[in-house]
Amino acid sequence: MHHPKLRIRVRDVHVATKQHKYKKAASAQEIDEKMVIFETFMGRQYGDNPRAIYEYMLEDPRFDDFRFVWVLNDPEKKTQFPKLERAEIVALRSRGYYDAYANAKYVITNSNLDYGIMKRPGQVFLQTWHGTPLKKLRCDIEATDGNAINSLEEIRSKNNLDVVRYDYFISPSEFASEKFASAFRLTALGMENILKVTGYPRNDLLYHFDEQFAAEQRLALGIPEDKKVILYAPTFRDNQHNGAGYVYDLALDFDELRRELGDEYVILLRVHYFVARQFDFDQAEGFVYNVSDLDDITPLYTIADVLVTDYSSVFFDYANLGRPMVFYMYDKKAYADDIRGFYIDLEELPGPIVETEEELIAQIRHAEQVAPLYEEKYKKFNQKYNSHDDGNASRRVCELLFGE
């Protein structure tokens, strides 16, 4: 179905039907005042801001009698994460999923919710989102041919369906709040007051971890003690799509990287969940570690000596550590002009921007020597973009939702 207006009409009818069924079923159920449901990337992960908030609540005796529900499409995750023992598990769009959303007093998510879910009177919905924006988001996207799945009209239509449900929308800085207000049309919808600058709960770990924690992360991944770690975390490209899903060209020769850097470094490759399953890592075994399927990226920051990324928001979080980073933007002009565009001046980035593999290798080799050149930029960057990341964001969010 290639005509945007027809797709929007069909989607609207489908959503209206789902909402009618949901509303009818939900009206027969009571809201549990001490029930919280958490959802990360539509059930794909146990991670990000919802995880940090949940684990903070586990440690606070005020929530000992609360009922917790996690949306997880893979029920085996409950056995992988001991802290999920306190939680009930439901799969996305299952009967239990809709029942949980109808029952829960509090809803905490970091992405889109199913459009069929309607907020009931008395419920509290929190949107944590999943990153400070560098690239333009949602309704701020201006390029006409950058998105292979949705037209700009469709992006705006789906945004309006989503955001009207939220009571709170947290951010790590005044800058992020300003961009969210525009990108999610919160100002246009008269909802700008839901924005709350609390800091990102997921970054609390970066202020509280110790050497033992970092050593445990390295051991779990099998990283040799004598190797430094490059965390390579690129984002997906909106215009790279094959009809079945997003695709992505890494634009890197791992054999060449191994030859040039393999004596000193290993690479942790963390690609966006949209494209995580399309790569074959067998030939790079022992040098490239695929960490794309790990639920939470934050622990990886604690062991990364250098971050390499492009337009992903990961560098905002990693900047809390003050460690070297390199920006590999081999398609910078196309991304800026034809795909997304940027919110910030790239000159503000606290690390070198490179566009070729040769430049990337050279910058990684000299990362520790180059880092002091960006010290002043780093300081200004964190003051502007991580102003409320201080290790106490989870506490502030819980005070926002539940009171002091």
Protein backbone atom coordinates (compact mmCIF):
# COMPACT_ATOMS: atom_id res chain seq x y z
CA MET A 1 0.00 0.00 0.00
CA HIS A 2 2.08 2.92 -1.31
CA HIS A 3 -0.32 5.86 -1.12
CA PRO A 4 0.26 7.75 2.16
CA LYS A 5 -3.27 9.17 2.51
CA LEU A 6 -4.82 5.74 1.98
CA ARG A 7 -2.40 4.18 4.48
CA ILE A 8 -3.32 6.84 7.04
CA ARG A 9 -7.04 6.23 6.50
CA VAL A 10 -6.67 2.46 6.83
CA ARG A 11 -4.49 2.88 9.94
CA ASP A 12 -6.99 5.28 11.52
CA VAL A 13 -9.84 2.83 11.03
CA HIS A 14 -7.75 -0.03 12.42
CA VAL A 15 -6.71 2.02 15.48
CA ALA A 16 -10.26 3.21 16.12
CA THR A 17 -11.47 -0.41 16.08
CA LYS A 18 -8.75 -1.49 18.52
CA GLN A 19 -9.42 1.44 20.82
CA HIS A 20 -13.14 0.68 20.90
CA LYS A 21 -12.48 -2.95 21.85
CA TYR A 22 -9.89 -1.93 24.44
CA LYS A 23 -12.11 0.69 26.02
CA LYS A 24 -14.99 -1.75 26.29
CA ALA A 25 -12.83 -4.47 27.89
CA ALA A 26 -10.99 -2.05 30.19
CA SER A 27 -14.17 -0.46 31.56
CA ALA A 28 -15.01 -3.71 33.33
CA GLN A 29 -11.72 -3.70 35.28
CA GLU A 30 -10.59 -1.70 38.30
CA ILE A 31 -7.35 0.26 38.38
CA ASP A 32 -4.78 -1.12 40.82
CA GLU A 33 -3.36 1.92 42.62
CA LYS A 34 -0.09 0.08 43.35
CA MET A 35 0.54 -1.48 39.95
CA VAL A 36 3.26 -0.31 37.53
CA ILE A 37 3.84 -1.59 34.00
CA PHE A 38 7.20 -1.11 32.27
CA GLU A 39 7.90 -1.32 28.54
CA THR A 40 11.19 -0.80 26.65
CA PHE A 41 11.25 -0.67 22.85
CA MET A 42 7.87 -2.41 22.57
CA GLY A 43 8.91 -5.43 24.62
CA ARG A 44 12.23 -6.07 22.91
CA GLN A 45 14.45 -5.35 25.91
CA TYR A 46 14.79 -5.22 29.66
CA GLY A 47 16.77 -2.02 29.73
CA ASP A 48 17.06 1.72 29.31
CA ASN A 49 15.29 4.26 31.54
CA PRO A 50 12.37 1.99 32.52
CA ARG A 51 14.82 -0.61 33.84
CA ALA A 52 16.70 1.97 35.89
CA ILE A 53 13.47 3.25 37.42
CA TYR A 54 12.27 -0.29 38.16
CA GLU A 55 15.52 -1.31 39.84
CA TYR A 56 15.50 1.86 41.92
CA MET A 57 11.99 1.02 43.09
CA LEU A 58 13.09 -2.49 44.05
CA GLU A 59 15.56 -0.98 46.52
CA ASP A 60 13.05 1.43 48.06
CA PRO A 61 10.93 -0.12 50.84
CA ARG A 62 8.07 2.25 50.01
CA PHE A 63 7.37 0.04 47.01
CA ASP A 64 7.58 -3.34 48.74
CA ASP A 65 3.86 -3.94 48.27
CA PHE A 66 3.70 -2.70 44.68
CA ARG A 67 2.85 -4.97 41.77
CA PHE A 68 5.30 -4.78 38.86
CA VAL A 69 4.66 -5.95 35.28
CA TRP A 70 7.22 -6.00 32.46
CA VAL A 71 6.37 -6.22 28.76
CA LEU A 72 8.87 -8.73 27.36
CA ASN A 73 8.37 -10.60 24.13
CA ASP A 74 10.96 -13.18 25.21
CA PRO A 75 9.72 -14.69 28.50
CA GLU A 76 13.12 -16.36 29.03
CA LYS A 77 14.52 -12.99 30.04
CA LYS A 78 12.97 -13.51 33.45
CA THR A 79 15.47 -16.28 34.10
CA GLN A 80 18.39 -14.20 32.79
CA PHE A 81 17.84 -11.25 35.10
CA PRO A 82 17.39 -12.07 38.80
CA LYS A 83 15.82 -8.69 39.49
CA LEU A 84 12.88 -9.63 37.29
CA GLU A 85 11.84 -12.16 39.91
CA ARG A 86 9.58 -9.50 41.45
CA ALA A 87 7.82 -8.83 38.15
CA GLU A 88 5.07 -10.47 36.14
CA ILE A 89 5.86 -10.88 32.44
CA VAL A 90 3.45 -10.21 29.56
CA ALA A 91 4.13 -10.30 25.82
CA LEU A 92 3.37 -7.40 23.51
CA ARG A 93 -0.27 -7.38 22.33
CA SER A 94 -1.16 -10.53 24.24
CA ARG A 95 -4.37 -10.74 26.28
CA GLY A 96 -2.29 -10.31 29.43
CA TYR A 97 -0.70 -7.21 27.89
CA TYR A 98 -4.01 -5.42 27.38
CA ASP A 99 -5.30 -6.53 30.77
CA ALA A 100 -2.16 -5.17 32.45
CA TYR A 101 -2.50 -1.81 30.73
CA ALA A 102 -6.14 -1.63 31.74
CA ASN A 103 -5.28 -2.42 35.39
CA ALA A 104 -2.07 -0.45 36.00
CA LYS A 105 -2.16 2.90 37.73
CA TYR A 106 1.29 3.77 36.34
CA VAL A 107 2.68 3.17 32.83
CA ILE A 108 6.40 3.72 32.11
CA THR A 109 7.71 3.40 28.54
CA ASN A 110 10.66 4.65 26.47
CA SER A 111 9.13 4.39 23.00
CA ASN A 112 5.79 4.19 21.20
CA LEU A 113 2.95 2.38 22.88
CA ASP A 114 0.45 0.26 21.03
CA TYR A 115 -1.97 2.74 19.47
CA GLY A 116 -4.96 0.75 20.65
CA ILE A 117 -4.23 1.50 24.32
CA MET A 118 -6.21 4.40 25.70
CA LYS A 119 -5.42 6.10 29.00
CA ARG A 120 -8.19 5.64 31.52
CA PRO A 121 -9.18 8.36 34.02
CA GLY A 122 -6.87 8.08 37.03
CA GLN A 123 -3.96 6.44 35.19
CA VAL A 124 -0.52 8.09 34.95
CA PHE A 125 1.55 7.60 31.79
CA LEU A 126 5.28 8.43 31.76
CA GLN A 127 7.31 8.72 28.55
CA THR A 128 11.06 8.51 29.26
CA TRP A 129 12.16 8.40 25.59
CA HIS A 130 15.54 6.85 24.83
CA GLY A 131 18.07 9.54 24.09
CA THR A 132 19.01 13.17 23.70
CA PRO A 133 18.41 14.09 20.05
CA LEU A 134 21.24 14.93 17.67
CA LYS A 135 19.32 13.94 14.54
CA LYS A 136 15.89 15.43 13.95
CA LEU A 137 12.94 13.48 15.30
CA ARG A 138 9.35 12.85 14.31
CA CYS A 139 7.55 16.05 13.32
CA ASP A 140 10.79 18.03 12.96
CA ILE A 141 11.98 15.83 10.08
CA GLU A 142 11.91 17.96 6.94
CA ALA A 143 13.53 15.79 4.29
CA THR A 144 10.96 14.47 1.85
CA ASP A 145 12.71 11.28 0.78
CA GLY A 146 14.68 10.23 3.85
CA ASN A 147 12.21 7.77 5.35
CA ALA A 148 11.59 4.56 3.42
CA ILE A 149 8.51 3.49 5.40
CA ASN A 150 6.53 6.57 6.42
CA SER A 151 5.77 9.84 4.67
CA LEU A 152 6.08 13.03 6.71
CA GLU A 153 2.30 13.20 6.91
CA GLU A 154 2.19 9.69 8.36
CA ILE A 155 4.89 10.49 10.91
CA ARG A 156 2.83 13.44 12.16
CA SER A 157 -0.40 11.43 12.20
CA LYS A 158 1.14 8.61 14.26
CA ASN A 159 2.81 11.08 16.62
CA ASN A 160 -0.50 12.68 17.52
CA LEU A 161 -2.05 9.30 18.29
CA ASP A 162 0.83 8.50 20.62
CA VAL A 163 1.62 11.62 22.64
CA VAL A 164 -1.88 12.62 23.80
CA ARG A 165 -1.70 9.78 26.34
CA TYR A 166 1.24 11.03 28.40
CA ASP A 167 1.14 12.89 31.71
CA TYR A 168 4.91 13.30 31.97
CA PHE A 169 7.78 13.33 29.48
CA ILE A 170 11.23 13.41 31.09
CA SER A 171 14.46 14.74 29.64
CA PRO A 172 18.13 15.13 30.67
CA SER A 173 18.42 18.86 29.90
CA GLU A 174 16.63 22.04 28.93
CA PHE A 175 18.01 21.56 25.41
CA ALA A 176 16.38 18.14 25.07
CA SER A 177 13.08 19.43 26.45
CA GLU A 178 13.04 22.21 23.86
CA LYS A 179 13.58 19.75 21.02
CA PHE A 180 11.05 17.25 22.37
CA ALA A 181 8.45 20.03 22.60
CA SER A 182 8.84 20.64 18.88
CA ALA A 183 9.49 17.11 17.61
CA PHE A 184 6.53 15.57 19.44
CA ARG A 185 4.31 18.63 18.79
CA LEU A 186 3.84 19.09 22.52
CA THR A 187 3.77 22.88 22.18
CA ALA A 188 1.32 22.74 19.28
CA LEU A 189 -0.92 20.36 21.23
CA GLY A 190 -0.83 22.50 24.37
CA MET A 191 1.08 19.79 26.26
CA GLU A 192 4.47 21.45 26.81
CA ASN A 193 3.87 21.39 30.58
CA ILE A 194 4.31 17.59 30.69
CA LEU A 195 8.06 18.01 30.02
CA LYS A 196 10.16 17.55 33.17
CA VAL A 197 13.94 17.92 33.29
CA THR A 198 15.03 15.14 35.64
CA GLY A 199 18.12 13.66 34.03
CA TYR A 200 18.11 10.17 32.53
CA PRO A 201 17.70 7.35 35.08
CA ARG A 202 19.75 4.98 32.92
CA ASN A 203 22.81 7.19 33.42
CA ASP A 204 22.72 6.91 37.21
CA LEU A 205 24.92 3.83 36.85
CA LEU A 206 27.69 5.94 35.31
CA TYR A 207 28.01 7.81 38.60
CA HIS A 208 27.88 4.78 40.90
CA PHE A 209 29.78 1.88 39.27
CA ASP A 210 33.16 0.70 40.56
CA GLU A 211 36.14 -1.23 39.19
CA GLN A 212 34.66 -4.53 40.26
CA PHE A 213 31.50 -3.85 38.26
CA ALA A 214 33.54 -3.02 35.16
CA ALA A 215 35.69 -6.14 35.62
CA GLU A 216 32.55 -8.27 35.80
CA GLN A 217 31.33 -6.83 32.50
CA ARG A 218 34.61 -7.64 30.77
CA LEU A 219 34.64 -11.14 32.21
CA ALA A 220 31.07 -11.82 31.10
CA LEU A 221 31.99 -10.89 27.52
CA GLY A 222 35.29 -12.77 27.54
CA ILE A 223 37.43 -9.73 26.76
CA PRO A 224 41.18 -10.42 27.20
CA GLU A 225 42.76 -8.52 30.07
CA ASP A 226 45.44 -7.00 27.84
CA LYS A 227 43.04 -5.46 25.32
CA LYS A 228 41.46 -2.02 25.28
CA VAL A 229 37.85 -1.71 24.19
CA ILE A 230 36.31 0.24 21.31
CA LEU A 231 32.55 0.48 21.56
CA TYR A 232 31.18 1.03 18.04
CA ALA A 233 27.52 2.03 18.19
CA PRO A 234 26.13 3.44 14.93
CA THR A 235 22.48 4.18 14.30
CA PHE A 236 20.30 2.93 11.42
CA ARG A 237 19.53 4.91 8.27
CA ASP A 238 15.87 5.75 7.61
CA ASN A 239 16.33 5.41 3.86
CA GLN A 240 17.95 1.96 3.94
CA HIS A 241 15.03 -0.45 3.79
CA ASN A 242 14.40 -3.58 1.75
CA GLY A 243 10.63 -3.84 2.17
CA ALA A 244 10.88 -6.33 5.03
CA GLY A 245 12.83 -4.13 7.43
CA TYR A 246 15.72 -1.73 7.84
CA VAL A 247 19.15 -2.68 6.48
CA TYR A 248 22.48 -1.08 7.16
CA ASP A 249 25.93 -0.91 5.57
CA LEU A 250 28.60 -0.55 8.27
CA ALA A 251 31.04 0.97 5.77
CA LEU A 252 33.92 -0.71 7.60
CA ASP A 253 36.42 -3.39 6.68
CA PHE A 254 36.89 -5.39 9.89
CA ASP A 255 39.85 -7.28 8.42
CA GLU A 256 41.66 -3.98 7.91
CA LEU A 257 40.72 -2.80 11.39
CA ARG A 258 42.05 -6.04 12.86
CA ARG A 259 45.35 -5.61 11.02
CA GLU A 260 45.74 -2.01 12.18
CA LEU A 261 44.29 -2.13 15.68
CA GLY A 262 43.95 -5.78 16.69
CA ASP A 263 47.15 -5.92 18.75
CA GLU A 264 45.81 -3.31 21.16
CA TYR A 265 42.02 -3.27 20.83
CA VAL A 266 38.87 -5.31 20.49
CA ILE A 267 35.60 -3.92 19.16
CA LEU A 268 32.21 -4.21 20.80
CA LEU A 269 29.71 -3.74 17.98
CA ARG A 270 26.34 -2.44 19.07
CA VAL A 271 24.05 -1.77 16.11
CA HIS A 272 20.50 -0.45 16.35
CA TYR A 273 17.88 -3.08 17.17
CA PHE A 274 16.21 -2.35 13.80
CA VAL A 275 19.19 -3.95 11.98
CA ALA A 276 20.91 -6.07 14.64
CA ARG A 277 20.31 -9.48 13.11
CA GLN A 278 21.68 -8.99 9.61
CA PHE A 279 25.43 -9.25 10.28
CA ASP A 280 27.73 -12.30 10.21
CA PHE A 281 30.51 -12.01 12.78
CA ASP A 282 32.19 -15.39 12.31
CA GLN A 283 35.14 -14.02 10.32
CA ALA A 284 35.86 -11.36 12.92
CA GLU A 285 35.72 -13.73 15.90
CA GLY A 286 38.07 -12.73 18.68
CA PHE A 287 38.26 -9.14 17.49
CA VAL A 288 34.64 -8.04 17.00
CA TYR A 289 32.20 -8.93 19.78
CA ASN A 290 28.56 -8.66 18.80
CA VAL A 291 26.80 -7.00 21.75
CA SER A 292 23.73 -5.93 19.78
CA ASP A 293 21.49 -8.46 21.51
CA LEU A 294 22.38 -7.33 25.03
CA ASP A 295 19.38 -5.66 26.60
CA ASP A 296 21.16 -2.68 28.10
CA ILE A 297 24.00 -0.68 26.59
CA THR A 298 24.82 1.37 29.71
CA PRO A 299 27.09 -1.27 31.36
CA LEU A 300 29.12 -1.35 28.14
CA TYR A 301 30.04 2.32 28.60
CA THR A 302 31.82 1.40 31.82
CA ILE A 303 34.34 -0.79 29.97
CA ALA A 304 34.74 1.21 26.75
CA ASP A 305 38.03 3.07 26.41
CA VAL A 306 36.84 4.78 23.22
CA LEU A 307 33.37 5.29 21.77
CA VAL A 308 32.92 5.35 18.01
CA THR A 309 29.51 6.42 16.76
CA ASP A 310 27.84 8.55 14.13
CA TYR A 311 24.40 10.10 14.73
CA SER A 312 23.26 7.86 17.57
CA SER A 313 22.36 9.55 20.84
CA VAL A 314 24.70 7.19 22.73
CA PHE A 315 27.47 9.80 22.82
CA PHE A 316 25.38 12.10 25.00
CA ASP A 317 25.23 9.38 27.66
CA TYR A 318 28.85 8.29 27.24
CA ALA A 319 29.97 11.91 27.65
CA ASN A 320 29.13 11.62 31.35
CA LEU A 321 32.34 9.58 31.69
CA GLY A 322 34.59 12.13 29.98
CA ARG A 323 36.31 9.46 27.89
CA PRO A 324 37.49 9.79 24.26
CA MET A 325 35.02 9.48 21.41
CA VAL A 326 35.31 9.58 17.62
CA PHE A 327 32.47 10.40 15.24
CA TYR A 328 32.56 8.28 12.06
CA MET A 329 30.23 10.18 9.72
CA TYR A 330 31.09 8.77 6.32
CA ASP A 331 27.73 9.98 4.92
CA LYS A 332 27.49 13.26 6.84
CA LYS A 333 26.26 15.45 3.98
CA ALA A 334 23.60 12.99 2.82
CA TYR A 335 22.40 12.43 6.37
CA ALA A 336 22.14 16.15 7.03
CA ASP A 337 20.53 17.10 3.71
CA ASP A 338 18.43 14.11 2.66
CA ILE A 339 17.68 11.88 5.66
CA ARG A 340 17.28 13.59 9.03
CA GLY A 341 19.20 16.79 9.60
CA PHE A 342 20.71 17.83 12.93
CA TYR A 343 19.58 19.79 15.97
CA ILE A 344 23.05 20.88 17.04
CA ASP A 345 26.10 22.35 15.39
CA LEU A 346 28.50 19.45 14.83
CA GLU A 347 31.31 21.78 15.90
CA GLU A 348 30.08 21.30 19.48
CA LEU A 349 30.87 17.58 19.48
CA PRO A 350 33.61 16.75 22.04
CA GLY A 351 35.65 14.61 19.68
CA PRO A 352 36.98 14.46 16.11
CA ILE A 353 34.65 13.90 13.14
CA VAL A 354 36.05 11.60 10.43
CA GLU A 355 34.62 10.50 7.10
CA THR A 356 37.00 7.74 5.99
CA GLU A 357 38.16 4.48 7.50
CA GLU A 358 41.78 5.64 7.36
CA GLU A 359 40.98 8.73 9.41
CA LEU A 360 39.03 6.61 11.88
CA ILE A 361 41.96 4.26 12.47
CA ALA A 362 44.34 7.18 12.96
CA GLN A 363 42.07 8.87 15.50
CA ILE A 364 41.56 5.67 17.50
CA ARG A 365 45.32 5.11 17.65
CA HIS A 366 45.84 8.56 19.12
CA ALA A 367 42.60 8.83 21.10
CA GLU A 368 44.27 9.34 24.47
CA GLN A 369 46.61 11.99 23.08
CA VAL A 370 43.83 13.80 21.22
CA ALA A 371 41.33 13.79 24.12
CA PRO A 372 42.95 16.70 26.05
CA LEU A 373 42.42 18.92 22.99
CA TYR A 374 38.68 18.56 23.53
CA GLU A 375 38.68 19.10 27.29
CA GLU A 376 37.04 22.55 27.15
CA LYS A 377 34.49 21.38 24.57
CA TYR A 378 33.71 18.39 26.77
CA LYS A 379 33.02 20.62 29.77
CA LYS A 380 30.68 22.91 27.82
CA PHE A 381 29.02 19.91 26.18
CA ASN A 382 28.10 18.27 29.48
CA GLN A 383 26.92 21.54 30.99
CA LYS A 384 24.52 22.01 28.09
CA TYR A 385 23.38 18.48 27.25
CA ASN A 386 23.80 16.48 30.49
CA SER A 387 22.96 19.21 32.98
CA HIS A 388 20.78 16.97 35.16
CA ASP A 389 22.67 13.69 34.88
CA ASP A 390 24.21 13.34 38.33
CA GLY A 391 23.37 9.85 39.57
CA ASN A 392 20.03 10.83 41.13
CA ALA A 393 17.65 10.89 38.18
CA SER A 394 15.78 7.73 39.20
CA ARG A 395 15.01 9.26 42.57
CA ARG A 396 13.72 12.45 40.96
CA VAL A 397 11.49 10.52 38.56
CA CYS A 398 10.00 8.48 41.39
CA GLU A 399 9.32 11.67 43.34
CA LEU A 400 7.60 13.05 40.25
CA LEU A 401 5.36 10.00 39.92
CA PHE A 402 4.77 8.97 43.51
CA GLY A 403 5.63 12.03 45.62
CA GLU A 404 8.46 12.50 48.08
